[in-house]
PDB file of N, CA and C in Angstrom:
ATOM      1  N   MET A   1       0.852  -1.171   0.000  1.00  0.00           N
ATOM      2  CA  MET A   1       0.000   0.000   0.000  1.00  0.00           C
ATOM      3  C   MET A   1       0.897   1.232   0.000  1.00  0.00           C
ATOM      4  N   PRO A   2       0.558   2.226  -0.824  1.00  0.00           N
ATOM      5  CA  PRO A   2       1.396   3.422  -0.901  1.00  0.00           C
ATOM      6  C   PRO A   2       1.363   4.193   0.414  1.00  0.00           C
ATOM      7  N   ASN A   3       2.483   4.762   0.717  1.00  0.00           N
ATOM      8  CA  ASN A   3       2.597   5.468   1.982  1.00  0.00           C
ATOM      9  C   ASN A   3       2.469   6.969   1.829  1.00  0.00           C
ATOM     10  N   THR A   4       2.874   7.491   0.709  1.00  0.00           N
ATOM     11  CA  THR A   4       2.871   8.938   0.573  1.00  0.00           C
ATOM     12  C   THR A   4       1.900   9.371  -0.509  1.00  0.00           C
ATOM     13  N   VAL A   5       1.610  10.635  -0.482  1.00  0.00           N
ATOM     14  CA  VAL A   5       0.717  11.222  -1.471  1.00  0.00           C
ATOM     15  C   VAL A   5       1.338  11.102  -2.854  1.00  0.00           C
ATOM     16  N   PHE A   6       2.656  11.263  -2.953  1.00  0.00           N
ATOM     17  CA  PHE A   6       3.343  11.171  -4.236  1.00  0.00           C
ATOM     18  C   PHE A   6       3.222   9.764  -4.834  1.00  0.00           C
ATOM     19  N   GLU A   7       3.319   8.745  -3.991  1.00  0.00           N
ATOM     20  CA  GLU A   7       3.200   7.377  -4.485  1.00  0.00           C
ATOM     21  C   GLU A   7       1.788   7.095  -4.979  1.00  0.00           C
ATOM     22  N   ARG A   8       0.776   7.579  -4.227  1.00  0.00           N
ATOM     23  CA  ARG A   8      -0.619   7.392  -4.656  1.00  0.00           C
ATOM     24  C   ARG A   8      -0.889   8.146  -5.950  1.00  0.00           C
ATOM     25  N   THR A   9      -0.349   9.347  -6.054  1.00  0.00           N
ATOM     26  CA  THR A   9      -0.523  10.137  -7.278  1.00  0.00           C
ATOM     27  C   THR A   9       0.134   9.431  -8.454  1.00  0.00           C
ATOM     28  N   GLY A  10       1.311   8.879  -8.221  1.00  0.00           N
ATOM     29  CA  GLY A  10       2.002   8.135  -9.273  1.00  0.00           C
ATOM     30  C   GLY A  10       1.192   6.940  -9.729  1.00  0.00           C
ATOM     31  N   GLU A  11       0.589   6.223  -8.778  1.00  0.00           N
ATOM     32  CA  GLU A  11      -0.238   5.075  -9.144  1.00  0.00           C
ATOM     33  C   GLU A  11      -1.473   5.504  -9.928  1.00  0.00           C
ATOM     34  N   HIS A  12      -2.089   6.603  -9.528  1.00  0.00           N
ATOM     35  CA  HIS A  12      -3.270   7.107 -10.251  1.00  0.00           C
ATOM     36  C   HIS A  12      -2.894   7.530 -11.673  1.00  0.00           C
ATOM     37  N   ILE A  13      -1.756   8.165 -11.813  1.00  0.00           N
ATOM     38  CA  ILE A  13      -1.301   8.593 -13.143  1.00  0.00           C
ATOM     39  C   ILE A  13      -1.015   7.369 -14.012  1.00  0.00           C
ATOM     40  N   THR A  14      -0.376   6.359 -13.438  1.00  0.00           N
ATOM     41  CA  THR A  14      -0.082   5.135 -14.184  1.00  0.00           C
ATOM     42  C   THR A  14      -1.369   4.447 -14.618  1.00  0.00           C
ATOM     43  N   GLU A  15      -2.326   4.362 -13.702  1.00  0.00           N
ATOM     44  CA  GLU A  15      -3.613   3.732 -14.016  1.00  0.00           C
ATOM     45  C   GLU A  15      -4.347   4.516 -15.106  1.00  0.00           C
ATOM     46  N   ALA A  16      -4.335   5.831 -15.015  1.00  0.00           N
ATOM     47  CA  ALA A  16      -4.990   6.658 -16.032  1.00  0.00           C
ATOM     48  C   ALA A  16      -4.312   6.488 -17.393  1.00  0.00           C
ATOM     49  N   ALA A  17      -2.996   6.390 -17.384  1.00  0.00           N
ATOM     50  CA  ALA A  17      -2.270   6.199 -18.639  1.00  0.00           C
ATOM     51  C   ALA A  17      -2.617   4.852 -19.267  1.00  0.00           C
ATOM     52  N   HIS A  18      -2.742   3.811 -18.456  1.00  0.00           N
ATOM     53  CA  HIS A  18      -3.117   2.492 -18.976  1.00  0.00           C
ATOM     54  C   HIS A  18      -4.534   2.529 -19.559  1.00  0.00           C
ATOM     55  N   LYS A  19      -5.449   3.205 -18.863  1.00  0.00           N
ATOM     56  CA  LYS A  19      -6.821   3.311 -19.371  1.00  0.00           C
ATOM     57  C   LYS A  19      -6.856   4.089 -20.681  1.00  0.00           C
ATOM     58  N   ALA A  20      -6.097   5.157 -20.748  1.00  0.00           N
ATOM     59  CA  ALA A  20      -6.051   5.962 -21.975  1.00  0.00           C
ATOM     60  C   ALA A  20      -5.455   5.146 -23.124  1.00  0.00           C
ATOM     61  N   SER A  21      -4.446   4.354 -22.825  1.00  0.00           N
ATOM     62  CA  SER A  21      -3.824   3.517 -23.840  1.00  0.00           C
ATOM     63  C   SER A  21      -4.810   2.478 -24.367  1.00  0.00           C
ATOM     64  N   ARG A  22      -5.563   1.845 -23.475  1.00  0.00           N
ATOM     65  CA  ARG A  22      -6.559   0.853 -23.894  1.00  0.00           C
ATOM     66  C   ARG A  22      -7.662   1.518 -24.714  1.00  0.00           C
ATOM     67  N   ALA A  23      -8.072   2.726 -24.325  1.00  0.00           N
ATOM     68  CA  ALA A  23      -9.104   3.440 -25.078  1.00  0.00           C
ATOM     69  C   ALA A  23      -8.591   3.810 -26.472  1.00  0.00           C
ATOM     70  N   ALA A  24      -7.350   4.247 -26.558  1.00  0.00           N
ATOM     71  CA  ALA A  24      -6.766   4.599 -27.854  1.00  0.00           C
ATOM     72  C   ALA A  24      -6.668   3.358 -28.746  1.00  0.00           C
ATOM     73  N   ASP A  25      -6.311   2.223 -28.162  1.00  0.00           N
ATOM     74  CA  ASP A  25      -6.251   0.977 -28.939  1.00  0.00           C
ATOM     75  C   ASP A  25      -7.630   0.592 -29.468  1.00  0.00           C
ATOM     76  N   ALA A  26      -8.653   0.752 -28.626  1.00  0.00           N
ATOM     77  CA  ALA A  26     -10.018   0.422 -29.045  1.00  0.00           C
ATOM     78  C   ALA A  26     -10.464   1.345 -30.174  1.00  0.00           C
ATOM     79  N   ILE A  27     -10.137   2.617 -30.087  1.00  0.00           N
ATOM     80  CA  ILE A  27     -10.511   3.575 -31.131  1.00  0.00           C
ATOM     81  C   ILE A  27      -9.787   3.235 -32.432  1.00  0.00           C
ATOM     82  N   ALA A  28      -8.505   2.911 -32.337  1.00  0.00           N
ATOM     83  CA  ALA A  28      -7.738   2.560 -33.531  1.00  0.00           C
ATOM     84  C   ALA A  28      -8.302   1.302 -34.183  1.00  0.00           C
ATOM     85  N   GLU A  29      -8.678   0.322 -33.381  1.00  0.00           N
ATOM     86  CA  GLU A  29      -9.250  -0.915 -33.928  1.00  0.00           C
ATOM     87  C   GLU A  29     -10.593  -0.642 -34.597  1.00  0.00           C
ATOM     88  N   ALA A  30     -11.416   0.213 -33.978  1.00  0.00           N
ATOM     89  CA  ALA A  30     -12.706   0.563 -34.577  1.00  0.00           C
ATOM     90  C   ALA A  30     -12.506   1.307 -35.897  1.00  0.00           C
ATOM     91  N   ALA A  31     -11.510   2.185 -35.944  1.00  0.00           N
ATOM     92  CA  ALA A  31     -11.224   2.914 -37.182  1.00  0.00           C
ATOM     93  C   ALA A  31     -10.763   1.959 -38.283  1.00  0.00           C
ATOM     94  N   GLU A  32      -9.917   0.997 -37.937  1.00  0.00           N
ATOM     95  CA  GLU A  32      -9.474   0.006 -38.923  1.00  0.00           C
ATOM     96  C   GLU A  32     -10.642  -0.814 -39.442  1.00  0.00           C
ATOM     97  N   ASP A  33     -11.554  -1.183 -38.545  1.00  0.00           N
ATOM     98  CA  ASP A  33     -12.744  -1.930 -38.966  1.00  0.00           C
ATOM     99  C   ASP A  33     -13.592  -1.092 -39.912  1.00  0.00           C
ATOM    100  N   ALA A  34     -13.771   0.182 -39.591  1.00  0.00           N
ATOM    101  CA  ALA A  34     -14.577   1.064 -40.438  1.00  0.00           C
ATOM    102  C   ALA A  34     -13.937   1.233 -41.812  1.00  0.00           C
ATOM    103  N   ILE A  35     -12.627   1.347 -41.852  1.00  0.00           N
ATOM    104  CA  ILE A  35     -11.932   1.477 -43.135  1.00  0.00           C
ATOM    105  C   ILE A  35     -12.109   0.203 -43.961  1.00  0.00           C
ATOM    106  N   GLY A  36     -12.023  -0.948 -43.315  1.00  0.00           N
ATOM    107  CA  GLY A  36     -12.228  -2.216 -44.020  1.00  0.00           C
ATOM    108  C   GLY A  36     -13.635  -2.326 -44.590  1.00  0.00           C
ATOM    109  N   VAL A  37     -14.626  -1.923 -43.806  1.00  0.00           N
ATOM    110  CA  VAL A  37     -16.012  -1.955 -44.281  1.00  0.00           C
ATOM    111  C   VAL A  37     -16.185  -1.005 -45.460  1.00  0.00           C
ATOM    112  N   ALA A  38     -15.602   0.188 -45.369  1.00  0.00           N
ATOM    113  CA  ALA A  38     -15.712   1.161 -46.462  1.00  0.00           C
ATOM    114  C   ALA A  38     -15.054   0.629 -47.738  1.00  0.00           C
ATOM    115  N   ARG A  39     -13.922  -0.017 -47.591  1.00  0.00           N
ATOM    116  CA  ARG A  39     -13.253  -0.578 -48.774  1.00  0.00           C
ATOM    117  C   ARG A  39     -14.074  -1.682 -49.419  1.00  0.00           C
ATOM    118  N   ARG A  40     -14.641  -2.566 -48.585  1.00  0.00           N
ATOM    119  CA  ARG A  40     -15.457  -3.651 -49.129  1.00  0.00           C
ATOM    120  C   ARG A  40     -16.714  -3.096 -49.807  1.00  0.00           C
ATOM    121  N   THR A  41     -17.326  -2.096 -49.199  1.00  0.00           N
ATOM    122  CA  THR A  41     -18.515  -1.479 -49.784  1.00  0.00           C
ATOM    123  C   THR A  41     -18.175  -0.807 -51.106  1.00  0.00           C
ATOM    124  N   GLY A  42     -17.050  -0.109 -51.141  1.00  0.00           N
ATOM    125  CA  GLY A  42     -16.623   0.538 -52.378  1.00  0.00           C
ATOM    126  C   GLY A  42     -16.359  -0.472 -53.473  1.00  0.00           C
ATOM    127  N   LYS A  43     -15.743  -1.587 -53.123  1.00  0.00           N
ATOM    128  CA  LYS A  43     -15.462  -2.633 -54.124  1.00  0.00           C
ATOM    129  C   LYS A  43     -16.763  -3.239 -54.638  1.00  0.00           C
ATOM    130  N   GLN A  44     -17.717  -3.488 -53.736  1.00  0.00           N
ATOM    131  CA  GLN A  44     -18.999  -4.039 -54.160  1.00  0.00           C
ATOM    132  C   GLN A  44     -19.732  -3.056 -55.073  1.00  0.00           C
ATOM    133  N   PHE A  45     -19.699  -1.769 -54.731  1.00  0.00           N
ATOM    134  CA  PHE A  45     -20.342  -0.764 -55.571  1.00  0.00           C
ATOM    135  C   PHE A  45     -19.679  -0.708 -56.933  1.00  0.00           C
ATOM    136  N   ASN A  46     -18.366  -0.741 -56.952  1.00  0.00           N
ATOM    137  CA  ASN A  46     -17.625  -0.710 -58.204  1.00  0.00           C
ATOM    138  C   ASN A  46     -17.970  -1.927 -59.070  1.00  0.00           C
ATOM    139  N   ASP A  47     -18.025  -3.093 -58.448  1.00  0.00           N
ATOM    140  CA  ASP A  47     -18.372  -4.309 -59.189  1.00  0.00           C
ATOM    141  C   ASP A  47     -19.791  -4.223 -59.751  1.00  0.00           C
ATOM    142  N   ALA A  48     -20.723  -3.707 -58.949  1.00  0.00           N
ATOM    143  CA  ALA A  48     -22.107  -3.589 -59.407  1.00  0.00           C
ATOM    144  C   ALA A  48     -22.221  -2.590 -60.551  1.00  0.00           C
ATOM    145  N   ALA A  49     -21.518  -1.466 -60.463  1.00  0.00           N
ATOM    146  CA  ALA A  49     -21.559  -0.468 -61.525  1.00  0.00           C
ATOM    147  C   ALA A  49     -20.949  -1.023 -62.808  1.00  0.00           C
ATOM    148  N   GLU A  50     -19.866  -1.743 -62.682  1.00  0.00           N
ATOM    149  CA  GLU A  50     -19.222  -2.342 -63.848  1.00  0.00           C
ATOM    150  C   GLU A  50     -20.134  -3.384 -64.504  1.00  0.00           C
ATOM    151  N   GLU A  51     -20.808  -4.171 -63.684  1.00  0.00           N
ATOM    152  CA  GLU A  51     -21.739  -5.171 -64.213  1.00  0.00           C
ATOM    153  C   GLU A  51     -22.915  -4.501 -64.923  1.00  0.00           C
ATOM    154  N   LEU A  52     -23.431  -3.409 -64.353  1.00  0.00           N
ATOM    155  CA  LEU A  52     -24.521  -2.676 -64.980  1.00  0.00           C
ATOM    156  C   LEU A  52     -24.083  -2.112 -66.331  1.00  0.00           C
ATOM    157  N   LEU A  53     -22.884  -1.554 -66.385  1.00  0.00           N
ATOM    158  CA  LEU A  53     -22.362  -1.013 -67.641  1.00  0.00           C
ATOM    159  C   LEU A  53     -22.208  -2.112 -68.685  1.00  0.00           C
ATOM    160  N   ASP A  54     -21.689  -3.255 -68.273  1.00  0.00           N
ATOM    161  CA  ASP A  54     -21.532  -4.374 -69.212  1.00  0.00           C
ATOM    162  C   ASP A  54     -22.889  -4.869 -69.714  1.00  0.00           C
ATOM    163  N   ASP A  55     -23.860  -4.983 -68.800  1.00  0.00           N
ATOM    164  CA  ASP A  55     -25.198  -5.432 -69.202  1.00  0.00           C
ATOM    165  C   ASP A  55     -25.843  -4.439 -70.172  1.00  0.00           C
ATOM    166  N   THR A  56     -25.672  -3.159 -69.892  1.00  0.00           N
ATOM    167  CA  THR A  56     -26.241  -2.137 -70.767  1.00  0.00           C
ATOM    168  C   THR A  56     -25.598  -2.185 -72.143  1.00  0.00           C
ATOM    169  N   THR A  57     -24.284  -2.341 -72.169  1.00  0.00           N
ATOM    170  CA  THR A  57     -23.576  -2.431 -73.446  1.00  0.00           C
ATOM    171  C   THR A  57     -24.074  -3.630 -74.253  1.00  0.00           C
ATOM    172  N   GLN A  58     -24.227  -4.763 -73.619  1.00  0.00           N
ATOM    173  CA  GLN A  58     -24.706  -5.963 -74.307  1.00  0.00           C
ATOM    174  C   GLN A  58     -26.134  -5.777 -74.816  1.00  0.00           C
ATOM    175  N   ARG A  59     -26.976  -5.128 -74.001  1.00  0.00           N
ATOM    176  CA  ARG A  59     -28.370  -4.910 -74.422  1.00  0.00           C
ATOM    177  C   ARG A  59     -28.424  -3.990 -75.638  1.00  0.00           C
ATOM    178  N   ILE A  60     -27.591  -2.940 -75.651  1.00  0.00           N
ATOM    179  CA  ILE A  60     -27.564  -2.027 -76.794  1.00  0.00           C
ATOM    180  C   ILE A  60     -27.080  -2.756 -78.040  1.00  0.00           C
ATOM    181  N   LYS A  61     -26.105  -3.637 -77.884  1.00  0.00           N
ATOM    182  CA  LYS A  61     -25.607  -4.399 -79.037  1.00  0.00           C
ATOM    183  C   LYS A  61     -26.667  -5.361 -79.571  1.00  0.00           C
ATOM    184  N   ARG A  62     -27.454  -5.961 -78.698  1.00  0.00           N
ATOM    185  CA  ARG A  62     -28.472  -6.918 -79.123  1.00  0.00           C
ATOM    186  C   ARG A  62     -29.695  -6.223 -79.717  1.00  0.00           C
ATOM    187  N   HIS A  63     -30.038  -5.016 -79.188  1.00  0.00           N
ATOM    188  CA  HIS A  63     -31.254  -4.310 -79.617  1.00  0.00           C
ATOM    189  C   HIS A  63     -30.929  -2.857 -79.957  1.00  0.00           C
ATOM    190  N   PRO A  64     -30.220  -2.603 -81.039  1.00  0.00           N
ATOM    191  CA  PRO A  64     -29.811  -1.224 -81.341  1.00  0.00           C
ATOM    192  C   PRO A  64     -30.981  -0.292 -81.662  1.00  0.00           C
ATOM    193  N   ALA A  65     -31.993  -0.779 -82.382  1.00  0.00           N
ATOM    194  CA  ALA A  65     -33.131   0.074 -82.728  1.00  0.00           C
ATOM    195  C   ALA A  65     -33.890   0.490 -81.464  1.00  0.00           C
ATOM    196  N   GLU A  66     -34.064  -0.451 -80.566  1.00  0.00           N
ATOM    197  CA  GLU A  66     -34.752  -0.171 -79.311  1.00  0.00           C
ATOM    198  C   GLU A  66     -33.982   0.880 -78.509  1.00  0.00           C
ATOM    199  N   ALA A  67     -32.663   0.802 -78.537  1.00  0.00           N
ATOM    200  CA  ALA A  67     -31.836   1.762 -77.815  1.00  0.00           C
ATOM    201  C   ALA A  67     -31.972   3.165 -78.418  1.00  0.00           C
ATOM    202  N   VAL A  68     -32.021   3.245 -79.737  1.00  0.00           N
ATOM    203  CA  VAL A  68     -32.175   4.545 -80.398  1.00  0.00           C
ATOM    204  C   VAL A  68     -33.534   5.150 -80.077  1.00  0.00           C
ATOM    205  N   VAL A  69     -34.583   4.340 -80.130  1.00  0.00           N
ATOM    206  CA  VAL A  69     -35.929   4.826 -79.822  1.00  0.00           C
ATOM    207  C   VAL A  69     -36.010   5.285 -78.367  1.00  0.00           C
ATOM    208  N   ALA A  70     -35.441   4.523 -77.453  1.00  0.00           N
ATOM    209  CA  ALA A  70     -35.467   4.901 -76.038  1.00  0.00           C
ATOM    210  C   ALA A  70     -34.694   6.194 -75.803  1.00  0.00           C
ATOM    211  N   THR A  71     -33.566   6.355 -76.458  1.00  0.00           N
ATOM    212  CA  THR A  71     -32.779   7.579 -76.314  1.00  0.00           C
ATOM    213  C   THR A  71     -33.541   8.774 -76.867  1.00  0.00           C
ATOM    214  N   PHE A  72     -34.168   8.597 -78.014  1.00  0.00           N
ATOM    215  CA  PHE A  72     -34.961   9.672 -78.601  1.00  0.00           C
ATOM    216  C   PHE A  72     -36.112  10.054 -77.669  1.00  0.00           C
ATOM    217  N   ALA A  73     -36.801   9.060 -77.122  1.00  0.00           N
ATOM    218  CA  ALA A  73     -37.928   9.325 -76.219  1.00  0.00           C
ATOM    219  C   ALA A  73     -37.464  10.080 -74.971  1.00  0.00           C
ATOM    220  N   MET A  74     -36.349   9.669 -74.399  1.00  0.00           N
ATOM    221  CA  MET A  74     -35.844  10.357 -73.198  1.00  0.00           C
ATOM    222  C   MET A  74     -35.456  11.795 -73.530  1.00  0.00           C
ATOM    223  N   GLY A  75     -34.838  12.016 -74.699  1.00  0.00           N
ATOM    224  CA  GLY A  75     -34.491  13.365 -75.112  1.00  0.00           C
ATOM    225  C   GLY A  75     -35.720  14.233 -75.322  1.00  0.00           C
ATOM    226  N   LEU A  76     -36.743  13.655 -75.934  1.00  0.00           N
ATOM    227  CA  LEU A  76     -37.992  14.367 -76.163  1.00  0.00           C
ATOM    228  C   LEU A  76     -38.656  14.744 -74.841  1.00  0.00           C
ATOM    229  N   ILE A  77     -38.711  13.798 -73.919  1.00  0.00           N
ATOM    230  CA  ILE A  77     -39.305  14.067 -72.604  1.00  0.00           C
ATOM    231  C   ILE A  77     -38.516  15.154 -71.872  1.00  0.00           C
ATOM    232  N   ALA A  78     -37.189  15.051 -71.898  1.00  0.00           N
ATOM    233  CA  ALA A  78     -36.362  16.071 -71.232  1.00  0.00           C
ATOM    234  C   ALA A  78     -36.585  17.433 -71.876  1.00  0.00           C
ATOM    235  N   GLY A  79     -36.679  17.491 -73.207  1.00  0.00           N
ATOM    236  CA  GLY A  79     -36.922  18.761 -73.898  1.00  0.00           C
ATOM    237  C   GLY A  79     -38.256  19.359 -73.544  1.00  0.00           C
ATOM    238  N   VAL A  80     -39.285  18.528 -73.488  1.00  0.00           N
ATOM    239  CA  VAL A  80     -40.617  19.022 -73.129  1.00  0.00           C
ATOM    240  C   VAL A  80     -40.610  19.558 -71.693  1.00  0.00           C
ATOM    241  N   LEU A  81     -39.992  18.829 -70.778  1.00  0.00           N
ATOM    242  CA  LEU A  81     -39.940  19.290 -69.392  1.00  0.00           C
ATOM    243  C   LEU A  81     -39.172  20.598 -69.259  1.00  0.00           C
ATOM    244  N   ILE A  82     -38.046  20.708 -69.917  1.00  0.00           N
ATOM    245  CA  ILE A  82     -37.257  21.942 -69.853  1.00  0.00           C
ATOM    246  C   ILE A  82     -38.046  23.094 -70.466  1.00  0.00           C
ATOM    247  N   GLY A  83     -38.689  22.863 -71.591  1.00  0.00           N
ATOM    248  CA  GLY A  83     -39.513  23.899 -72.215  1.00  0.00           C
ATOM    249  C   GLY A  83     -40.661  24.317 -71.335  1.00  0.00           C
ATOM    250  N   TRP A  84     -41.275  23.361 -70.681  1.00  0.00           N
ATOM    251  CA  TRP A  84     -42.410  23.648 -69.792  1.00  0.00           C
ATOM    252  C   TRP A  84     -41.937  24.475 -68.595  1.00  0.00           C
ATOM    253  N   ILE A  85     -40.778  24.118 -68.009  1.00  0.00           N
ATOM    254  CA  ILE A  85     -40.242  24.856 -66.856  1.00  0.00           C
ATOM    255  C   ILE A  85     -39.871  26.283 -67.267  1.00  0.00           C
ATOM    256  N   ILE A  86     -39.225  26.440 -68.408  1.00  0.00           N
ATOM    257  CA  ILE A  86     -38.835  27.778 -68.872  1.00  0.00           C
ATOM    258  C   ILE A  86     -40.081  28.598 -69.219  1.00  0.00           C
ATOM    259  N   GLY A  87     -41.082  27.968 -69.814  1.00  0.00           N
ATOM    260  CA  GLY A  87     -42.308  28.665 -70.196  1.00  0.00           C
ATOM    261  C   GLY A  87     -43.122  29.152 -69.016  1.00  0.00           C
ATOM    262  N   ARG A  88     -43.020  28.498 -67.897  1.00  0.00           N
ATOM    263  CA  ARG A  88     -43.775  28.914 -66.703  1.00  0.00           C
ATOM    264  C   ARG A  88     -43.227  30.194 -66.103  1.00  0.00           C
ATOM    265  N   LYS A  89     -41.961  30.463 -66.298  1.00  0.00           N
ATOM    266  CA  LYS A  89     -41.363  31.661 -65.692  1.00  0.00           C
ATOM    267  C   LYS A  89     -41.634  32.801 -66.586  1.00  0.00           C
TER     268      LYS A  89
END
């Protein structure tokens, strides 16, 4: 058992330092886990986007007329909406 105030203070400081060290380790581990999750999510998103692009490319190659008609329709709809918005002002 510590005899002096200095010894007790030293023990309290040592204990606080150990607690702070354990807390810092826990925070670092949580940050590493979060980075790993973010990387896996980014890779999954990238894979899904790449697959969507490949599927779209294949669909356009198989049905070119349908792709042209769909593009024309989307352009027409966008033009009508833009004209309608500008005309209201």
